[in-house]
């Protein structure tokens, strides 16, 4: 598995399923930052933030409904 730093925007049904799959495939939890305005619980080691951080990421995944994009 690569050492890429991933920003996952949204961790509802779709984003949560992707995250679980990545972790099950061997990705380290420390590689993933999740943007979740509700600050819902994530697997141990996954960083959770309420808004998009100023950090640099190798991969950005949008996992939210299209009507949520303006928010």
N, C-alpha and C. Protein backbone atom coordinates (compact mmCIF):
# COMPACT_ATOMS: atom_id res chain seq x y z
N UNK A 1 0.86 -1.18 0.00
CA UNK A 1 0.00 0.00 0.00
C UNK A 1 0.90 1.24 0.00
N UNK A 2 0.48 2.26 -0.67
CA UNK A 2 1.23 3.50 -0.78
C UNK A 2 1.21 4.28 0.54
N UNK A 3 2.10 5.24 0.67
CA UNK A 3 2.14 6.09 1.85
C UNK A 3 1.42 7.41 1.62
N UNK A 4 0.57 7.48 0.61
CA UNK A 4 -0.14 8.70 0.28
C UNK A 4 -0.99 9.18 1.45
N UNK A 5 -1.03 10.49 1.62
CA UNK A 5 -1.90 11.11 2.62
C UNK A 5 -3.23 11.43 1.92
N UNK A 6 -4.32 10.93 2.50
CA UNK A 6 -5.64 11.03 1.87
C UNK A 6 -6.56 11.91 2.69
N UNK A 7 -7.26 12.81 2.01
CA UNK A 7 -8.32 13.60 2.63
C UNK A 7 -9.63 13.05 2.11
N UNK A 8 -10.47 12.56 3.00
CA UNK A 8 -11.79 12.03 2.67
C UNK A 8 -12.82 13.04 3.15
N UNK A 9 -13.51 13.68 2.20
CA UNK A 9 -14.52 14.67 2.55
C UNK A 9 -15.87 13.96 2.56
N UNK A 10 -16.37 13.71 3.76
CA UNK A 10 -17.63 13.00 3.93
C UNK A 10 -17.37 11.55 4.31
N UNK A 11 -18.04 11.11 5.35
CA UNK A 11 -17.85 9.73 5.80
C UNK A 11 -19.19 9.12 6.18
N UNK A 12 -20.19 9.39 5.36
CA UNK A 12 -21.50 8.77 5.57
C UNK A 12 -21.47 7.36 5.03
N UNK A 13 -22.55 6.92 4.41
CA UNK A 13 -22.61 5.56 3.90
C UNK A 13 -21.51 5.27 2.88
N UNK A 14 -21.38 6.12 1.88
CA UNK A 14 -20.39 5.88 0.82
C UNK A 14 -18.96 6.08 1.33
N UNK A 15 -18.70 7.22 1.94
CA UNK A 15 -17.35 7.49 2.43
C UNK A 15 -16.91 6.52 3.51
N UNK A 16 -17.83 6.18 4.40
CA UNK A 16 -17.51 5.23 5.46
C UNK A 16 -17.18 3.86 4.91
N UNK A 17 -17.91 3.44 3.87
CA UNK A 17 -17.63 2.14 3.25
C UNK A 17 -16.26 2.15 2.57
N UNK A 18 -15.91 3.23 1.90
CA UNK A 18 -14.59 3.32 1.28
C UNK A 18 -13.50 3.27 2.35
N UNK A 19 -13.68 4.02 3.42
CA UNK A 19 -12.69 4.03 4.49
C UNK A 19 -12.50 2.64 5.09
N UNK A 20 -13.58 1.96 5.38
CA UNK A 20 -13.47 0.60 5.93
C UNK A 20 -12.75 -0.33 4.96
N UNK A 21 -13.03 -0.19 3.67
CA UNK A 21 -12.36 -1.01 2.66
C UNK A 21 -10.87 -0.72 2.59
N UNK A 22 -10.50 0.55 2.64
CA UNK A 22 -9.08 0.91 2.60
C UNK A 22 -8.34 0.31 3.80
N UNK A 23 -8.94 0.46 4.98
CA UNK A 23 -8.30 -0.04 6.19
C UNK A 23 -8.20 -1.56 6.16
N UNK A 24 -9.25 -2.22 5.68
CA UNK A 24 -9.24 -3.70 5.58
C UNK A 24 -8.19 -4.18 4.59
N UNK A 25 -7.88 -3.35 3.58
CA UNK A 25 -6.88 -3.71 2.57
C UNK A 25 -5.46 -3.43 3.03
N UNK A 26 -5.32 -2.85 4.23
CA UNK A 26 -3.98 -2.64 4.77
C UNK A 26 -3.52 -1.20 4.87
N UNK A 27 -4.34 -0.25 4.48
CA UNK A 27 -3.94 1.14 4.61
C UNK A 27 -3.84 1.49 6.10
N UNK A 28 -2.83 2.26 6.45
CA UNK A 28 -2.67 2.69 7.83
C UNK A 28 -3.65 3.83 8.13
N UNK A 29 -4.31 3.75 9.26
CA UNK A 29 -5.30 4.75 9.64
C UNK A 29 -4.70 6.16 9.69
N UNK A 30 -3.43 6.26 10.02
CA UNK A 30 -2.75 7.55 10.14
C UNK A 30 -2.60 8.27 8.80
N UNK A 31 -2.85 7.56 7.70
CA UNK A 31 -2.75 8.16 6.37
C UNK A 31 -4.01 8.92 5.99
N UNK A 32 -5.08 8.75 6.76
CA UNK A 32 -6.38 9.29 6.36
C UNK A 32 -6.84 10.39 7.31
N UNK A 33 -7.27 11.50 6.71
CA UNK A 33 -7.94 12.58 7.44
C UNK A 33 -9.35 12.66 6.88
N UNK A 34 -10.34 12.67 7.76
CA UNK A 34 -11.74 12.71 7.35
C UNK A 34 -12.33 14.06 7.75
N UNK A 35 -13.00 14.71 6.80
CA UNK A 35 -13.75 15.93 7.10
C UNK A 35 -15.17 15.51 7.42
N UNK A 36 -15.56 15.75 8.67
CA UNK A 36 -16.90 15.39 9.14
C UNK A 36 -17.40 16.49 10.05
N UNK A 37 -18.26 17.39 9.53
CA UNK A 37 -18.75 18.49 10.36
C UNK A 37 -19.37 18.03 11.67
N UNK A 38 -19.94 16.83 11.68
CA UNK A 38 -20.56 16.31 12.91
C UNK A 38 -19.52 15.70 13.84
N UNK A 39 -18.27 15.55 13.35
CA UNK A 39 -17.18 14.95 14.12
C UNK A 39 -17.54 13.53 14.58
N UNK A 40 -18.24 12.78 13.70
CA UNK A 40 -18.63 11.42 14.05
C UNK A 40 -17.39 10.57 14.33
N UNK A 41 -17.57 9.55 15.12
CA UNK A 41 -16.46 8.67 15.50
C UNK A 41 -15.92 7.93 14.27
N UNK A 42 -14.61 7.79 14.23
CA UNK A 42 -13.93 7.07 13.15
C UNK A 42 -13.07 5.98 13.77
N UNK A 43 -12.59 5.05 12.96
CA UNK A 43 -11.69 4.03 13.50
C UNK A 43 -10.46 4.67 14.15
N UNK A 44 -9.91 3.99 15.14
CA UNK A 44 -8.73 4.49 15.84
C UNK A 44 -7.63 4.85 14.86
N UNK A 45 -7.02 6.01 15.08
CA UNK A 45 -5.90 6.44 14.26
C UNK A 45 -6.28 7.35 13.11
N UNK A 46 -7.55 7.34 12.70
CA UNK A 46 -8.01 8.21 11.61
C UNK A 46 -8.24 9.60 12.20
N UNK A 47 -7.64 10.59 11.58
CA UNK A 47 -7.81 11.98 12.03
C UNK A 47 -9.15 12.50 11.53
N UNK A 48 -9.92 13.13 12.41
CA UNK A 48 -11.22 13.69 12.06
C UNK A 48 -11.18 15.19 12.31
N UNK A 49 -11.62 15.97 11.30
CA UNK A 49 -11.67 17.42 11.42
C UNK A 49 -13.05 17.89 10.98
N UNK A 50 -13.47 19.05 11.49
CA UNK A 50 -14.80 19.57 11.18
C UNK A 50 -14.84 20.30 9.84
N UNK A 51 -13.70 20.81 9.38
CA UNK A 51 -13.67 21.53 8.10
C UNK A 51 -12.36 21.20 7.39
N UNK A 52 -12.29 21.55 6.13
CA UNK A 52 -11.11 21.21 5.31
C UNK A 52 -9.87 21.91 5.87
N UNK A 53 -8.85 21.13 6.22
CA UNK A 53 -7.63 21.72 6.77
C UNK A 53 -6.74 22.32 5.68
N UNK A 54 -5.80 23.15 6.09
CA UNK A 54 -4.87 23.79 5.16
C UNK A 54 -3.71 22.87 4.78
N UNK A 55 -3.68 21.66 5.35
CA UNK A 55 -2.60 20.71 5.07
C UNK A 55 -2.57 20.34 3.59
N UNK A 56 -1.49 19.70 3.17
CA UNK A 56 -1.34 19.21 1.81
C UNK A 56 -1.62 17.71 1.80
N UNK A 57 -2.40 17.27 0.83
CA UNK A 57 -2.75 15.85 0.70
C UNK A 57 -2.38 15.37 -0.70
N UNK A 58 -2.06 14.09 -0.80
CA UNK A 58 -1.75 13.49 -2.09
C UNK A 58 -3.01 13.16 -2.87
N UNK A 59 -4.06 12.80 -2.14
CA UNK A 59 -5.33 12.39 -2.75
C UNK A 59 -6.47 13.04 -1.98
N UNK A 60 -7.43 13.58 -2.71
CA UNK A 60 -8.65 14.14 -2.10
C UNK A 60 -9.83 13.38 -2.69
N UNK A 61 -10.66 12.81 -1.81
CA UNK A 61 -11.83 12.05 -2.24
C UNK A 61 -13.08 12.77 -1.74
N UNK A 62 -13.97 13.12 -2.67
CA UNK A 62 -15.26 13.72 -2.29
C UNK A 62 -16.29 12.62 -2.19
N UNK A 63 -16.80 12.39 -0.99
CA UNK A 63 -17.76 11.32 -0.76
C UNK A 63 -19.01 11.91 -0.10
N UNK A 64 -19.61 12.83 -0.82
CA UNK A 64 -20.82 13.46 -0.30
C UNK A 64 -21.83 13.62 -1.42
N UNK A 65 -23.03 13.91 -1.03
CA UNK A 65 -24.11 14.05 -2.02
C UNK A 65 -23.92 15.38 -2.77
N UNK A 66 -24.24 15.40 -4.07
CA UNK A 66 -24.04 16.61 -4.86
C UNK A 66 -24.69 17.85 -4.26
N UNK A 67 -25.82 17.70 -3.64
CA UNK A 67 -26.50 18.87 -3.07
C UNK A 67 -25.76 19.42 -1.84
N UNK A 68 -24.78 18.68 -1.32
CA UNK A 68 -24.00 19.15 -0.17
C UNK A 68 -22.77 19.94 -0.59
N UNK A 69 -22.42 19.95 -1.87
CA UNK A 69 -21.22 20.64 -2.32
C UNK A 69 -21.18 22.12 -1.95
N UNK A 70 -22.26 22.89 -2.08
CA UNK A 70 -22.17 24.31 -1.73
C UNK A 70 -21.80 24.55 -0.27
N UNK A 71 -22.14 23.61 0.61
CA UNK A 71 -21.82 23.78 2.01
C UNK A 71 -20.32 23.70 2.22
